[in-house]
Protein backbone atom coordinates (compact mmCIF):
# COMPACT_ATOMS: atom_id res chain seq x y z
CA MET A 1 -36.21 -101.93 -101.23
CA SER A 2 -37.48 -98.55 -102.48
CA ASP A 3 -35.58 -96.75 -105.22
CA LEU A 4 -36.82 -93.36 -103.99
CA PRO A 5 -34.18 -90.99 -102.57
CA ASP A 6 -34.02 -90.01 -98.93
CA PRO A 7 -35.81 -86.84 -97.81
CA LEU A 8 -33.84 -83.73 -98.71
CA THR A 9 -34.57 -82.11 -95.33
CA THR A 10 -35.09 -83.62 -91.90
CA PRO A 11 -38.29 -83.18 -89.86
CA GLU A 12 -36.41 -80.80 -87.52
CA VAL A 13 -36.13 -78.20 -90.29
CA ASP A 14 -39.13 -76.05 -89.40
CA LEU A 15 -39.45 -72.48 -90.69
CA ARG A 16 -43.10 -71.89 -89.89
CA GLY A 17 -43.64 -68.30 -88.85
CA TYR A 18 -40.49 -67.23 -90.70
CA GLY A 19 -42.03 -64.64 -93.01
CA PHE A 20 -39.30 -64.61 -95.65
CA MET A 21 -38.56 -66.95 -98.54
CA PRO A 22 -35.81 -66.14 -101.07
CA LEU A 23 -37.07 -65.80 -104.65
CA PHE A 24 -34.31 -65.66 -107.24
CA GLY A 25 -35.81 -63.59 -110.02
CA ASN A 26 -33.18 -64.22 -112.66
CA ARG A 27 -33.35 -67.98 -112.13
CA LEU A 28 -37.16 -67.91 -112.17
CA PHE A 29 -37.67 -65.78 -115.29
CA GLN A 30 -35.03 -67.69 -117.26
CA SER A 31 -36.43 -71.08 -116.29
CA ASN A 32 -38.30 -73.51 -118.50
CA LEU A 33 -41.23 -73.42 -116.07
CA TYR A 34 -41.75 -69.69 -116.60
CA ARG A 35 -41.55 -69.82 -120.38
CA ARG A 36 -43.90 -72.81 -120.65
CA SER A 37 -46.44 -71.37 -118.20
CA VAL A 38 -46.56 -68.03 -120.05
CA VAL A 39 -47.30 -69.72 -123.35
CA THR A 40 -49.44 -72.71 -122.37
CA CYS A 41 -50.96 -72.20 -118.91
CA PRO A 42 -50.40 -68.96 -116.94
CA ARG A 43 -52.46 -70.36 -114.07
CA ALA A 44 -49.89 -73.11 -113.61
CA GLY A 45 -47.14 -70.54 -113.12
CA LEU A 46 -49.10 -68.81 -110.36
CA ALA A 47 -49.88 -72.16 -108.78
CA ALA A 48 -46.17 -73.09 -108.80
CA ILE A 49 -45.17 -69.95 -106.87
CA LYS A 50 -48.00 -70.53 -104.38
CA LEU A 51 -46.87 -74.14 -103.86
CA TRP A 52 -43.29 -73.00 -103.23
CA TRP A 53 -44.53 -70.77 -100.42
CA CYS A 54 -46.68 -73.57 -99.00
CA ALA A 55 -43.70 -75.95 -99.11
CA TRP A 56 -41.59 -73.34 -97.27
CA ASN A 57 -44.09 -73.43 -94.40
CA GLN A 58 -44.47 -77.23 -94.29
CA VAL A 59 -42.65 -79.67 -92.02
CA PRO A 60 -40.13 -80.75 -93.18
CA CYS A 61 -39.45 -77.42 -94.87
CA GLY A 62 -39.36 -77.57 -98.68
CA SER A 63 -41.81 -80.46 -98.98
CA LEU A 64 -45.44 -81.01 -99.98
CA PRO A 65 -47.88 -83.86 -99.33
CA ASP A 66 -48.41 -86.19 -102.27
CA ASP A 67 -52.18 -85.81 -102.20
CA GLU A 68 -54.16 -84.52 -105.17
CA ILE A 69 -56.90 -82.76 -103.18
CA GLU A 70 -54.52 -81.09 -100.72
CA LEU A 71 -52.33 -79.86 -103.56
CA ALA A 72 -55.37 -78.48 -105.42
CA VAL A 73 -56.41 -76.51 -102.35
CA MET A 74 -52.85 -75.25 -101.74
CA ALA A 75 -52.58 -74.11 -105.36
CA ASP A 76 -55.83 -72.10 -105.05
CA PHE A 77 -57.80 -74.41 -107.33
CA GLY A 78 -60.24 -75.27 -104.56
CA ALA A 79 -62.77 -77.88 -105.65
CA ASP A 80 -61.66 -77.63 -109.29
CA VAL A 81 -59.70 -80.88 -109.17
CA LYS A 82 -60.03 -81.37 -112.93
CA GLY A 83 -58.44 -77.99 -113.56
CA TRP A 84 -55.66 -78.90 -111.17
CA ARG A 85 -54.98 -82.14 -113.02
CA LYS A 86 -54.43 -80.19 -116.24
CA CYS A 87 -51.87 -77.87 -114.59
CA SER A 88 -50.33 -80.15 -111.96
CA ALA A 89 -47.47 -81.46 -114.10
CA LEU A 90 -46.25 -77.94 -114.88
CA ALA A 91 -46.96 -76.51 -111.42
CA LEU A 92 -45.05 -79.33 -109.68
CA GLN A 93 -42.08 -79.15 -112.03
CA GLY A 94 -38.88 -79.52 -109.99
CA PHE A 95 -40.47 -81.44 -107.09
CA VAL A 96 -39.08 -84.92 -106.38
CA LYS A 97 -40.89 -87.69 -104.53
CA CYS A 98 -38.79 -89.15 -101.69
CA SER A 99 -38.91 -92.29 -99.58
CA ASP A 100 -41.17 -90.74 -96.93
CA GLY A 101 -43.93 -90.23 -99.54
CA ARG A 102 -43.63 -86.44 -99.72
CA LEU A 103 -42.62 -84.19 -102.60
CA TYR A 104 -39.40 -82.18 -102.10
CA HIS A 105 -38.06 -79.26 -104.10
CA PRO A 106 -34.22 -79.36 -104.21
CA ILE A 107 -33.75 -75.59 -104.54
CA LEU A 108 -36.11 -74.83 -101.64
CA CYS A 109 -34.41 -77.45 -99.48
CA ASP A 110 -30.96 -76.03 -100.21
CA GLU A 111 -32.15 -72.59 -99.03
CA ALA A 112 -34.11 -73.96 -96.07
CA ILE A 113 -31.17 -75.62 -94.33
CA PRO A 114 -29.00 -72.46 -93.86
CA SER A 115 -32.09 -70.41 -92.98
CA PHE A 116 -32.97 -72.96 -90.30
CA GLU A 117 -29.42 -72.80 -88.92
CA LYS A 118 -29.70 -69.00 -88.65
CA ARG A 119 -32.99 -69.42 -86.84
CA LEU A 120 -31.40 -71.81 -84.34
CA LYS A 121 -28.61 -69.33 -83.66
CA ALA A 122 -31.10 -66.52 -83.14
CA ASP A 123 -33.18 -68.65 -80.76
CA ALA A 124 -30.07 -69.66 -78.81
CA LYS A 125 -28.97 -66.03 -78.49
CA ARG A 126 -32.44 -65.00 -77.34
CA THR A 127 -32.46 -67.77 -74.73
CA LYS A 128 -28.98 -66.81 -73.54
CA ASP A 129 -29.93 -63.15 -73.24
CA TYR A 130 -33.05 -64.06 -71.29
CA LYS A 131 -31.06 -66.26 -68.89
CA ARG A 132 -28.41 -63.57 -68.42
CA LEU A 133 -31.05 -60.97 -67.63
CA LYS A 134 -32.79 -63.34 -65.23
CA ASP A 135 -29.50 -64.04 -63.42
CA TRP A 136 -28.75 -60.35 -63.20
CA ARG A 137 -32.12 -59.63 -61.64
CA GLU A 138 -31.61 -62.42 -59.09
CA LYS A 139 -28.17 -61.04 -58.18
CA ARG A 140 -29.62 -57.58 -57.80
CA SER A 141 -32.37 -58.83 -55.49
CA ARG A 142 -29.85 -60.68 -53.29
CA SER A 143 -27.24 -57.90 -53.24
CA ASP A 144 -27.37 -54.70 -51.21
CA VAL A 145 -25.51 -52.85 -53.97
CA SER A 146 -27.73 -50.46 -55.87
CA CYS A 147 -27.90 -51.45 -59.55
CA GLY A 148 -28.76 -49.16 -62.39
CA ASP A 149 -30.92 -49.73 -65.41
CA GLU A 150 -30.98 -53.10 -67.14
CA THR A 151 -28.60 -52.24 -69.94
CA ALA A 152 -26.59 -54.68 -72.03
CA ASP A 153 -23.27 -53.74 -70.39
CA GLU A 154 -24.56 -54.09 -66.84
CA THR A 155 -26.28 -57.43 -67.40
CA ARG A 156 -23.37 -59.05 -69.24
CA PHE A 157 -21.92 -61.08 -66.32
CA THR A 158 -18.90 -63.32 -66.76
CA ASP A 159 -16.89 -65.46 -64.39
CA GLN A 160 -14.10 -62.88 -64.30
CA ASN A 161 -16.56 -60.12 -63.43
CA GLU A 162 -17.97 -62.25 -60.62
CA THR A 163 -14.44 -62.81 -59.24
CA ASN A 164 -13.69 -59.07 -59.33
CA ILE A 165 -16.94 -58.24 -57.54
CA GLN A 166 -16.21 -60.76 -54.76
CA GLU A 167 -12.67 -59.38 -54.31
CA GLN A 168 -13.96 -55.82 -54.07
CA ARG A 169 -16.50 -56.81 -51.45
CA SER A 170 -13.89 -58.71 -49.37
CA VAL A 171 -11.61 -55.65 -49.38
CA SER A 172 -14.34 -53.13 -48.58
CA GLU A 173 -15.81 -55.07 -45.64
CA PRO A 174 -12.82 -54.49 -43.21
CA VAL A 175 -12.69 -50.82 -44.18
CA ARG A 176 -16.33 -50.34 -43.19
CA GLN A 177 -15.72 -52.17 -39.91
CA LEU A 178 -12.67 -50.00 -39.00
CA ASP A 179 -14.26 -46.69 -39.93
CA SER A 180 -17.82 -46.80 -38.72
CA SER A 181 -18.28 -43.08 -39.31
CA SER A 182 -17.87 -43.47 -43.07
CA SER A 183 -21.07 -43.94 -45.00
CA LEU A 184 -20.00 -44.29 -48.59
CA ARG A 185 -23.21 -46.05 -49.51
CA SER A 186 -25.67 -44.37 -47.24
CA GLU A 187 -24.78 -40.86 -48.38
CA PRO A 188 -25.79 -41.30 -52.03
CA SER A 189 -28.99 -43.06 -51.04
CA SER A 190 -29.86 -40.37 -48.47
CA LEU A 191 -29.04 -37.69 -51.03
CA ARG A 192 -31.36 -39.32 -53.52
CA SER A 193 -34.12 -39.48 -50.92
CA GLU A 194 -33.67 -35.81 -50.03
CA VAL A 195 -33.74 -34.79 -53.68
CA GLY A 196 -36.86 -36.90 -54.20
CA GLU A 197 -38.59 -35.28 -51.20
CA LEU A 198 -37.58 -31.84 -52.45
CA ALA A 199 -39.02 -32.59 -55.88
CA VAL A 200 -42.29 -33.75 -54.30
CA SER A 201 -42.51 -30.78 -51.94
CA GLN A 202 -41.92 -28.26 -54.75
CA PRO A 203 -44.35 -29.08 -57.56
CA THR A 204 -43.99 -27.22 -60.82
CA LYS A 205 -46.32 -24.30 -61.38
CA ALA A 206 -49.09 -24.72 -63.89
CA PRO A 207 -48.94 -22.34 -66.87
CA LYS A 208 -51.02 -19.20 -66.47
CA ARG A 209 -54.27 -19.17 -68.44
CA LYS A 210 -54.84 -16.54 -71.08
CA THR A 211 -57.69 -14.06 -70.48
CA ARG A 212 -59.33 -11.14 -72.28
CA LEU A 213 -58.69 -7.57 -71.24
CA PRO A 214 -61.45 -6.38 -68.86
CA GLY A 215 -63.71 -3.70 -70.28
CA ASN A 216 -63.05 -1.37 -67.32
CA TRP A 217 -59.31 -1.91 -67.37
CA GLN A 218 -57.12 0.88 -66.00
CA PRO A 219 -53.34 0.84 -65.57
CA SER A 220 -52.09 0.03 -62.10
CA SER A 221 -49.69 2.21 -60.18
CA SER A 222 -46.70 0.17 -61.33
CA GLU A 223 -47.88 0.32 -64.94
CA ARG A 224 -48.39 4.09 -64.73
CA ALA A 225 -44.93 4.48 -63.28
CA TYR A 226 -43.49 2.40 -66.11
CA ALA A 227 -45.19 4.63 -68.75
CA GLU A 228 -44.16 7.82 -66.95
CA ASN A 229 -40.58 6.59 -66.84
CA LEU A 230 -40.71 6.41 -70.66
CA GLU A 231 -42.09 10.01 -70.71
CA LEU A 232 -45.40 9.00 -72.26
CA ASP A 233 -48.87 10.43 -71.85
CA VAL A 234 -50.13 7.73 -69.52
CA ASP A 235 -53.86 8.35 -69.91
CA ALA A 236 -53.74 8.57 -73.72
CA THR A 237 -51.48 5.54 -74.03
CA ALA A 238 -53.62 3.49 -71.68
CA GLU A 239 -56.85 4.42 -73.49
CA THR A 240 -55.35 3.54 -76.89
CA PHE A 241 -54.13 0.24 -75.45
CA ARG A 242 -57.54 -0.57 -73.94
CA LEU A 243 -59.55 0.27 -77.07
CA HIS A 244 -57.17 -1.66 -79.31
CA TRP A 245 -57.35 -4.94 -77.39
CA LEU A 246 -61.08 -4.65 -76.68
CA ALA A 247 -61.66 -4.28 -80.41
CA ASN A 248 -59.42 -7.22 -81.33
CA GLY A 249 -60.68 -9.50 -78.57
CA ASP A 250 -57.33 -11.27 -78.21
CA THR A 251 -56.27 -13.05 -75.03
CA LYS A 252 -53.03 -12.64 -73.11
CA ALA A 253 -51.43 -14.51 -70.23
CA ASP A 254 -49.91 -11.32 -68.73
CA TRP A 255 -51.58 -7.99 -69.48
CA THR A 256 -48.98 -6.09 -67.49
CA ALA A 257 -46.23 -7.33 -69.77
CA ALA A 258 -48.42 -6.57 -72.78
CA PHE A 259 -48.93 -2.96 -71.60
CA GLN A 260 -45.21 -2.51 -70.99
CA GLY A 261 -44.44 -3.77 -74.48
CA TRP A 262 -47.06 -1.38 -75.86
CA CYS A 263 -45.37 1.51 -74.04
CA ARG A 264 -41.99 0.62 -75.47
CA ARG A 265 -43.43 0.57 -78.99
CA GLU A 266 -45.09 3.93 -78.36
CA LYS A 267 -41.71 5.27 -77.34
CA SER A 268 -40.02 3.96 -80.49
CA TRP A 269 -42.83 5.13 -82.77
CA GLY A 270 -42.30 8.76 -81.75
CA VAL A 271 -45.86 9.44 -80.56
CA LYS A 272 -46.39 12.85 -78.96
CA ARG A 273 -45.20 12.81 -75.39
CA ARG A 274 -45.41 15.27 -72.60
CA GLY A 275 -43.07 18.08 -73.60
CA ILE A 276 -41.03 15.83 -75.91
CA THR A 277 -40.70 16.56 -79.63
CA PRO A 278 -41.04 13.71 -82.10
CA ASP A 279 -37.99 11.88 -83.27
CA PRO A 280 -36.60 13.94 -86.20
CA GLU A 281 -35.42 10.80 -87.93
CA ARG A 282 -39.03 9.59 -88.26
CA THR A 283 -40.64 12.92 -89.39
CA PRO A 284 -42.11 13.20 -92.89
CA GLN A 285 -39.46 15.79 -93.85
CA SER A 286 -36.69 13.27 -93.33
CA ARG A 287 -38.27 10.64 -95.51
CA PRO A 288 -36.80 9.98 -98.99
CA ARG A 289 -38.30 12.12 -101.74
CA THR A 290 -40.29 10.47 -104.46
CA ALA A 291 -39.76 10.90 -108.21
CA ALA A 292 -42.99 12.91 -108.48
CA GLN A 293 -41.85 15.32 -105.76
CA ASN A 294 -38.50 15.82 -107.52
CA ALA A 295 -40.27 16.45 -110.85
CA ASP A 296 -42.58 19.09 -109.28
CA GLU A 297 -39.64 20.88 -107.68
CA ASN A 298 -37.73 20.94 -110.98
CA ALA A 299 -40.78 22.30 -112.79
CA ARG A 300 -41.21 25.10 -110.24
CA PHE A 301 -37.55 25.99 -110.55
CA LEU A 302 -37.72 26.26 -114.36
CA MET A 303 -40.93 28.31 -114.22
CA ASP A 304 -39.31 30.75 -111.78
CA ARG A 305 -36.26 31.13 -114.06
CA MET A 306 -38.42 31.77 -117.11
CA GLY A 307 -40.68 34.20 -115.29
CA VAL A 308 -43.76 32.12 -115.84
CA SER A 309 -46.45 32.71 -113.23
CA ARG A 310 -47.84 29.63 -111.54
């Protein structure tokens, strides 16, 4: 009868593909393994961490094969079996050989069991959600009731919900038979079809492409009327507008709107209009005087008082 202990994890504990393994930093850096590997063999410390990760992805989880060559390859020693033999005792510190012939790490096994239980719960929930969604799609295909999007609330069927749906259908059937003129279901569907046809029949307009101002551009009758309404010199304003945009070479999507905006700016800038005086608030006389202008005026005043000719 073997004196070796039983395996610390069962063969069902499988965490392959589970890309997370807990690494307790305080426990690691305060351990005897870390201190000894730093002083005697740093390569053994790296090999130990690599072997922990390999054991986490073995079946059963937390175990390693008791084979010298396989362990050398797992620890990144490759064909350097002699080098592995020098570091193996330190790198495998904490592993225990069990009755199945494999090496188990107690700390890894203690963490693997609850992680595996969480994985089983997640797999069960995923399977349940898939079955619920599949049942909902089958019910929708068999039912004449229009269903919405496949959201969590709509696909979460229970026995009580099924009972309520059957009761509602049994009550609504006689009502539809007594009142044949009512079309509670056909009206929304027909309305949706009409809206869909309207959307198809009225496509959205494509955005207008930007173009350059033609070299022989002249304002149209509506543009001339717009400028005349603002009491502008139409010919002068139009010529200034044409020369400006021909020189810049910019593009516009609507040159009529651009000309109207130009006219409004001309109006606000106080450019000479037909029979209209400039805005007195924007004349040079109304502008604030500078310090140099004030100094010149004071000097002229003093020279006049003293009788000095200028």
